[in-house]
Amino acid sequence: MVQPIHCMGLVPSQVHTYVRNLLALLDERYGIRKFASQERFDPELCPIRPCIHHPTSKR
């Protein structure tokens, strides 16, 4: 399993490296070679908990 990471604060090259590594693993295990597109999601949709960017974590 690939652990999710927070990409907020990463420079674009770090995000692309993470995605490239993730795709290499997905290709190796499942034959998935590409994503349809990269999308930016609002930090409020972050599934990682605890998440400093999620409204429920801000007090």
PDB file of N, CA and C in Angstrom:
ATOM      1  N   MET A   1       0.851  -1.187   0.000  1.00  0.00           N
ATOM      2  CA  MET A   1       0.000   0.000   0.000  1.00  0.00           C
ATOM      3  C   MET A   1       0.885   1.235   0.000  1.00  0.00           C
ATOM      4  N   VAL A   2       0.515   2.202  -0.790  1.00  0.00           N
ATOM      5  CA  VAL A   2       1.236   3.471  -0.848  1.00  0.00           C
ATOM      6  C   VAL A   2       0.556   4.423   0.116  1.00  0.00           C
ATOM      7  N   GLN A   3       1.318   4.945   1.042  1.00  0.00           N
ATOM      8  CA  GLN A   3       0.771   5.872   2.022  1.00  0.00           C
ATOM      9  C   GLN A   3       0.480   7.211   1.353  1.00  0.00           C
ATOM     10  N   PRO A   4      -0.673   7.797   1.629  1.00  0.00           N
ATOM     11  CA  PRO A   4      -0.962   9.124   1.086  1.00  0.00           C
ATOM     12  C   PRO A   4      -0.055  10.158   1.761  1.00  0.00           C
ATOM     13  N   ILE A   5       0.244  11.202   1.046  1.00  0.00           N
ATOM     14  CA  ILE A   5       1.052  12.287   1.603  1.00  0.00           C
ATOM     15  C   ILE A   5       0.340  13.609   1.331  1.00  0.00           C
ATOM     16  N   HIS A   6       0.686  14.604   2.108  1.00  0.00           N
ATOM     17  CA  HIS A   6       0.205  15.957   1.832  1.00  0.00           C
ATOM     18  C   HIS A   6       1.105  16.552   0.765  1.00  0.00           C
ATOM     19  N   CYS A   7       0.517  17.016  -0.307  1.00  0.00           N
ATOM     20  CA  CYS A   7       1.284  17.639  -1.387  1.00  0.00           C
ATOM     21  C   CYS A   7       1.362  19.153  -1.222  1.00  0.00           C
ATOM     22  N   MET A   8       0.503  19.689  -0.346  1.00  0.00           N
ATOM     23  CA  MET A   8       0.514  21.128  -0.115  1.00  0.00           C
ATOM     24  C   MET A   8       1.873  21.516   0.449  1.00  0.00           C
ATOM     25  N   GLY A   9       2.505  22.458  -0.170  1.00  0.00           N
ATOM     26  CA  GLY A   9       3.822  22.893   0.277  1.00  0.00           C
ATOM     27  C   GLY A   9       4.956  22.265  -0.517  1.00  0.00           C
ATOM     28  N   LEU A  10       4.649  21.235  -1.312  1.00  0.00           N
ATOM     29  CA  LEU A  10       5.676  20.627  -2.148  1.00  0.00           C
ATOM     30  C   LEU A  10       5.828  21.446  -3.427  1.00  0.00           C
ATOM     31  N   VAL A  11       7.040  21.479  -3.961  1.00  0.00           N
ATOM     32  CA  VAL A  11       7.243  22.140  -5.245  1.00  0.00           C
ATOM     33  C   VAL A  11       6.764  21.190  -6.339  1.00  0.00           C
ATOM     34  N   PRO A  12       6.425  21.709  -7.514  1.00  0.00           N
ATOM     35  CA  PRO A  12       5.901  20.858  -8.575  1.00  0.00           C
ATOM     36  C   PRO A  12       6.767  19.633  -8.897  1.00  0.00           C
ATOM     37  N   SER A  13       8.071  19.781  -8.882  1.00  0.00           N
ATOM     38  CA  SER A  13       8.930  18.635  -9.201  1.00  0.00           C
ATOM     39  C   SER A  13       8.779  17.519  -8.163  1.00  0.00           C
ATOM     40  N   GLN A  14       8.544  17.866  -6.906  1.00  0.00           N
ATOM     41  CA  GLN A  14       8.336  16.854  -5.869  1.00  0.00           C
ATOM     42  C   GLN A  14       7.007  16.124  -6.075  1.00  0.00           C
ATOM     43  N   VAL A  15       5.976  16.858  -6.473  1.00  0.00           N
ATOM     44  CA  VAL A  15       4.675  16.242  -6.741  1.00  0.00           C
ATOM     45  C   VAL A  15       4.795  15.291  -7.933  1.00  0.00           C
ATOM     46  N   HIS A  16       5.473  15.728  -8.986  1.00  0.00           N
ATOM     47  CA  HIS A  16       5.628  14.885 -10.170  1.00  0.00           C
ATOM     48  C   HIS A  16       6.450  13.634  -9.857  1.00  0.00           C
ATOM     49  N   THR A  17       7.455  13.760  -9.012  1.00  0.00           N
ATOM     50  CA  THR A  17       8.246  12.592  -8.614  1.00  0.00           C
ATOM     51  C   THR A  17       7.388  11.603  -7.839  1.00  0.00           C
ATOM     52  N   TYR A  18       6.562  12.096  -6.924  1.00  0.00           N
ATOM     53  CA  TYR A  18       5.667  11.227  -6.155  1.00  0.00           C
ATOM     54  C   TYR A  18       4.706  10.497  -7.086  1.00  0.00           C
ATOM     55  N   VAL A  19       4.103  11.240  -8.029  1.00  0.00           N
ATOM     56  CA  VAL A  19       3.151  10.641  -8.969  1.00  0.00           C
ATOM     57  C   VAL A  19       3.849   9.610  -9.850  1.00  0.00           C
ATOM     58  N   ARG A  20       5.054   9.921 -10.309  1.00  0.00           N
ATOM     59  CA  ARG A  20       5.821   8.980 -11.139  1.00  0.00           C
ATOM     60  C   ARG A  20       6.100   7.691 -10.375  1.00  0.00           C
ATOM     61  N   ASN A  21       6.493   7.806  -9.102  1.00  0.00           N
ATOM     62  CA  ASN A  21       6.757   6.626  -8.277  1.00  0.00           C
ATOM     63  C   ASN A  21       5.480   5.831  -8.029  1.00  0.00           C
ATOM     64  N   LEU A  22       4.382   6.524  -7.802  1.00  0.00           N
ATOM     65  CA  LEU A  22       3.097   5.864  -7.599  1.00  0.00           C
ATOM     66  C   LEU A  22       2.683   5.103  -8.855  1.00  0.00           C
ATOM     67  N   LEU A  23       2.839   5.738 -10.012  1.00  0.00           N
ATOM     68  CA  LEU A  23       2.483   5.071 -11.261  1.00  0.00           C
ATOM     69  C   LEU A  23       3.365   3.853 -11.525  1.00  0.00           C
ATOM     70  N   ALA A  24       4.635   3.917 -11.171  1.00  0.00           N
ATOM     71  CA  ALA A  24       5.526   2.768 -11.350  1.00  0.00           C
ATOM     72  C   ALA A  24       5.018   1.586 -10.532  1.00  0.00           C
ATOM     73  N   LEU A  25       4.592   1.844  -9.312  1.00  0.00           N
ATOM     74  CA  LEU A  25       4.057   0.782  -8.463  1.00  0.00           C
ATOM     75  C   LEU A  25       2.736   0.249  -9.016  1.00  0.00           C
ATOM     76  N   LEU A  26       1.853   1.136  -9.459  1.00  0.00           N
ATOM     77  CA  LEU A  26       0.579   0.705 -10.024  1.00  0.00           C
ATOM     78  C   LEU A  26       0.770  -0.096 -11.304  1.00  0.00           C
ATOM     79  N   ASP A  27       1.755   0.278 -12.110  1.00  0.00           N
ATOM     80  CA  ASP A  27       2.049  -0.467 -13.331  1.00  0.00           C
ATOM     81  C   ASP A  27       2.565  -1.860 -12.991  1.00  0.00           C
ATOM     82  N   GLU A  28       3.459  -1.923 -12.023  1.00  0.00           N
ATOM     83  CA  GLU A  28       4.041  -3.198 -11.612  1.00  0.00           C
ATOM     84  C   GLU A  28       2.971  -4.158 -11.083  1.00  0.00           C
ATOM     85  N   ARG A  29       2.075  -3.648 -10.270  1.00  0.00           N
ATOM     86  CA  ARG A  29       1.088  -4.514  -9.616  1.00  0.00           C
ATOM     87  C   ARG A  29      -0.192  -4.727 -10.411  1.00  0.00           C
ATOM     88  N   TYR A  30      -0.632  -3.685 -11.145  1.00  0.00           N
ATOM     89  CA  TYR A  30      -1.950  -3.760 -11.770  1.00  0.00           C
ATOM     90  C   TYR A  30      -1.970  -3.426 -13.260  1.00  0.00           C
ATOM     91  N   GLY A  31      -0.828  -3.068 -13.829  1.00  0.00           N
ATOM     92  CA  GLY A  31      -0.788  -2.722 -15.244  1.00  0.00           C
ATOM     93  C   GLY A  31      -1.334  -1.342 -15.563  1.00  0.00           C
ATOM     94  N   ILE A  32      -1.498  -0.492 -14.543  1.00  0.00           N
ATOM     95  CA  ILE A  32      -1.971   0.878 -14.758  1.00  0.00           C
ATOM     96  C   ILE A  32      -0.765   1.735 -15.100  1.00  0.00           C
ATOM     97  N   ARG A  33      -0.780   2.335 -16.295  1.00  0.00           N
ATOM     98  CA  ARG A  33       0.394   3.070 -16.770  1.00  0.00           C
ATOM     99  C   ARG A  33       0.236   4.577 -16.770  1.00  0.00           C
ATOM    100  N   LYS A  34      -1.000   5.049 -16.634  1.00  0.00           N
ATOM    101  CA  LYS A  34      -1.185   6.501 -16.622  1.00  0.00           C
ATOM    102  C   LYS A  34      -2.495   6.854 -15.946  1.00  0.00           C
ATOM    103  N   PHE A  35      -2.564   8.092 -15.493  1.00  0.00           N
ATOM    104  CA  PHE A  35      -3.796   8.663 -14.971  1.00  0.00           C
ATOM    105  C   PHE A  35      -4.431   9.465 -16.102  1.00  0.00           C
ATOM    106  N   ALA A  36      -5.715   9.665 -16.033  1.00  0.00           N
ATOM    107  CA  ALA A  36      -6.389  10.461 -17.049  1.00  0.00           C
ATOM    108  C   ALA A  36      -5.880  11.906 -17.013  1.00  0.00           C
ATOM    109  N   SER A  37      -5.751  12.451 -15.812  1.00  0.00           N
ATOM    110  CA  SER A  37      -5.230  13.809 -15.645  1.00  0.00           C
ATOM    111  C   SER A  37      -4.916  14.030 -14.172  1.00  0.00           C
ATOM    112  N   GLN A  38      -4.114  15.039 -13.905  1.00  0.00           N
ATOM    113  CA  GLN A  38      -3.862  15.428 -12.525  1.00  0.00           C
ATOM    114  C   GLN A  38      -4.857  16.532 -12.191  1.00  0.00           C
ATOM    115  N   GLU A  39      -5.420  16.445 -11.002  1.00  0.00           N
ATOM    116  CA  GLU A  39      -6.383  17.448 -10.576  1.00  0.00           C
ATOM    117  C   GLU A  39      -5.990  17.986  -9.217  1.00  0.00           C
ATOM    118  N   ARG A  40      -6.333  19.228  -8.989  1.00  0.00           N
ATOM    119  CA  ARG A  40      -6.108  19.833  -7.683  1.00  0.00           C
ATOM    120  C   ARG A  40      -7.428  19.784  -6.933  1.00  0.00           C
ATOM    121  N   PHE A  41      -7.397  19.237  -5.733  1.00  0.00           N
ATOM    122  CA  PHE A  41      -8.578  19.189  -4.893  1.00  0.00           C
ATOM    123  C   PHE A  41      -8.448  20.214  -3.779  1.00  0.00           C
ATOM    124  N   ASP A  42      -9.571  20.721  -3.365  1.00  0.00           N
ATOM    125  CA  ASP A  42      -9.605  21.649  -2.249  1.00  0.00           C
ATOM    126  C   ASP A  42      -9.074  20.941  -1.009  1.00  0.00           C
ATOM    127  N   PRO A  43      -8.233  21.590  -0.208  1.00  0.00           N
ATOM    128  CA  PRO A  43      -7.705  20.960   1.012  1.00  0.00           C
ATOM    129  C   PRO A  43      -8.781  20.427   1.944  1.00  0.00           C
ATOM    130  N   GLU A  44      -9.989  20.981   1.881  1.00  0.00           N
ATOM    131  CA  GLU A  44     -11.068  20.488   2.741  1.00  0.00           C
ATOM    132  C   GLU A  44     -11.480  19.065   2.385  1.00  0.00           C
ATOM    133  N   LEU A  45     -11.114  18.589   1.187  1.00  0.00           N
ATOM    134  CA  LEU A  45     -11.451  17.231   0.757  1.00  0.00           C
ATOM    135  C   LEU A  45     -10.358  16.225   1.123  1.00  0.00           C
ATOM    136  N   CYS A  46      -9.339  16.662   1.813  1.00  0.00           N
ATOM    137  CA  CYS A  46      -8.223  15.787   2.167  1.00  0.00           C
ATOM    138  C   CYS A  46      -8.701  14.612   3.021  1.00  0.00           C
ATOM    139  N   PRO A  47      -8.386  13.356   2.587  1.00  0.00           N
ATOM    140  CA  PRO A  47      -8.802  12.184   3.352  1.00  0.00           C
ATOM    141  C   PRO A  47      -7.834  11.800   4.472  1.00  0.00           C
ATOM    142  N   ILE A  48      -6.675  12.436   4.531  1.00  0.00           N
ATOM    143  CA  ILE A  48      -5.664  12.090   5.536  1.00  0.00           C
ATOM    144  C   ILE A  48      -6.075  12.701   6.873  1.00  0.00           C
ATOM    145  N   ARG A  49      -6.067  11.884   7.917  1.00  0.00           N
ATOM    146  CA  ARG A  49      -6.385  12.362   9.267  1.00  0.00           C
ATOM    147  C   ARG A  49      -5.297  11.920  10.224  1.00  0.00           C
ATOM    148  N   PRO A  50      -4.832  12.756  11.109  1.00  0.00           N
ATOM    149  CA  PRO A  50      -5.203  14.164  11.213  1.00  0.00           C
ATOM    150  C   PRO A  50      -4.607  14.963  10.062  1.00  0.00           C
ATOM    151  N   CYS A  51      -5.298  16.004   9.674  1.00  0.00           N
ATOM    152  CA  CYS A  51      -4.841  16.869   8.586  1.00  0.00           C
ATOM    153  C   CYS A  51      -4.943  18.314   9.050  1.00  0.00           C
ATOM    154  N   ILE A  52      -3.829  19.006   9.043  1.00  0.00           N
ATOM    155  CA  ILE A  52      -3.836  20.401   9.493  1.00  0.00           C
ATOM    156  C   ILE A  52      -4.599  21.310   8.538  1.00  0.00           C
ATOM    157  N   HIS A  53      -4.880  20.813   7.334  1.00  0.00           N
ATOM    158  CA  HIS A  53      -5.564  21.626   6.327  1.00  0.00           C
ATOM    159  C   HIS A  53      -7.074  21.384   6.310  1.00  0.00           C
ATOM    160  N   HIS A  54      -7.554  20.438   7.100  1.00  0.00           N
ATOM    161  CA  HIS A  54      -8.980  20.116   7.107  1.00  0.00           C
ATOM    162  C   HIS A  54      -9.679  20.971   8.169  1.00  0.00           C
ATOM    163  N   PRO A  55     -10.868  21.490   7.861  1.00  0.00           N
ATOM    164  CA  PRO A  55     -11.568  22.388   8.804  1.00  0.00           C
ATOM    165  C   PRO A  55     -11.822  21.761  10.179  1.00  0.00           C
ATOM    166  N   THR A  56     -12.005  20.443  10.256  1.00  0.00           N
ATOM    167  CA  THR A  56     -12.268  19.826  11.554  1.00  0.00           C
ATOM    168  C   THR A  56     -11.039  19.819  12.447  1.00  0.00           C
ATOM    169  N   SER A  57      -9.876  20.054  11.860  1.00  0.00           N
ATOM    170  CA  SER A  57      -8.629  20.073  12.644  1.00  0.00           C
ATOM    171  C   SER A  57      -8.302  21.476  13.141  1.00  0.00           C
ATOM    172  N   LYS A  58      -8.980  22.484  12.607  1.00  0.00           N
ATOM    173  CA  LYS A  58      -8.703  23.877  12.994  1.00  0.00           C
ATOM    174  C   LYS A  58      -9.601  24.251  14.142  1.00  0.00           C
ATOM    175  N   ARG A  59      -8.994  24.692  15.188  1.00  0.00           N
ATOM    176  CA  ARG A  59      -9.775  25.063  16.383  1.00  0.00           C
ATOM    177  C   ARG A  59      -9.464  26.456  16.813  1.00  0.00           C
TER     178      ARG A  59
END
